[in-house]
Amino acid sequence: MTDDSREAIMEATHRALREHGYADLTMQDIADESGKSTSLLHYHYDTKHDLLVAFVGYLIEEFEAEERGMAEKPAEERLREFVDWFVFAPGEDDRAAFHLALLELRAQAPFDEAYREQLRRSDELVRGTIVGIVEDGIESGVFRADAEPEAIARLVFATMDGARTRQATLAEAGYAAEVRDALYEHVLDDLLVDPERAE
């Protein structure tokens, strides 16, 4: 499969998940979004399950590429942008719908080894990204030398992932942004060697 064909299928899967959710998604839905036939999709992916496992892998690759593009930014800016990534504002219905579809998929992981492995990879990548940012900040003298990158990564990821999930599932508009602001004030600003930088 060419890179262009793969990209088209993955983007179509993204749109179809937003539109139909995980449970109701069919290969026909993805074919309709991609403008390709279901037989072509089945040529590359035997089942919807196989396609969705590949799709999670695609999301991981996209995240890695985006993080590489941010590598030259200062650690404090990278950390704040990373936290902001979890926040979707009221009215961002597509992002909320996509997150709900991913939650449905994640709910399958305890019973599906392929999903579980991809989600484990994703989790390790996200936490590893935060660890790397904090370590860079310590090395550059922006973050306190006694900061604990692993502990901070677990806290930031669990806090923001939980906030986004609560906002999406309970339709609490603005909840993730409120949690983000509290995380800035009570955790991230405390990382700074010069607290006045946060003001």
Foldseek 3Di string as FASTA:
>chain_A
DDPVLLVLLLVLVLVLCLVQAQVRDALVSSCVSSVHDSVVVCVVAVGPVRNVLVSLVVVLVVVVVVLVVCVPPQLLVVVLVLLCVLDDAPPPSSVLSSVRSVVVLVVCLVPDPSSVVSVVVVLCVQLVSQLVSLVRCCVVQFFDVPDDSNVVSVVSVVQSNVQSVCCSPVVPGPRSVVSSVVCCVPPVLNRGPDSVVSD
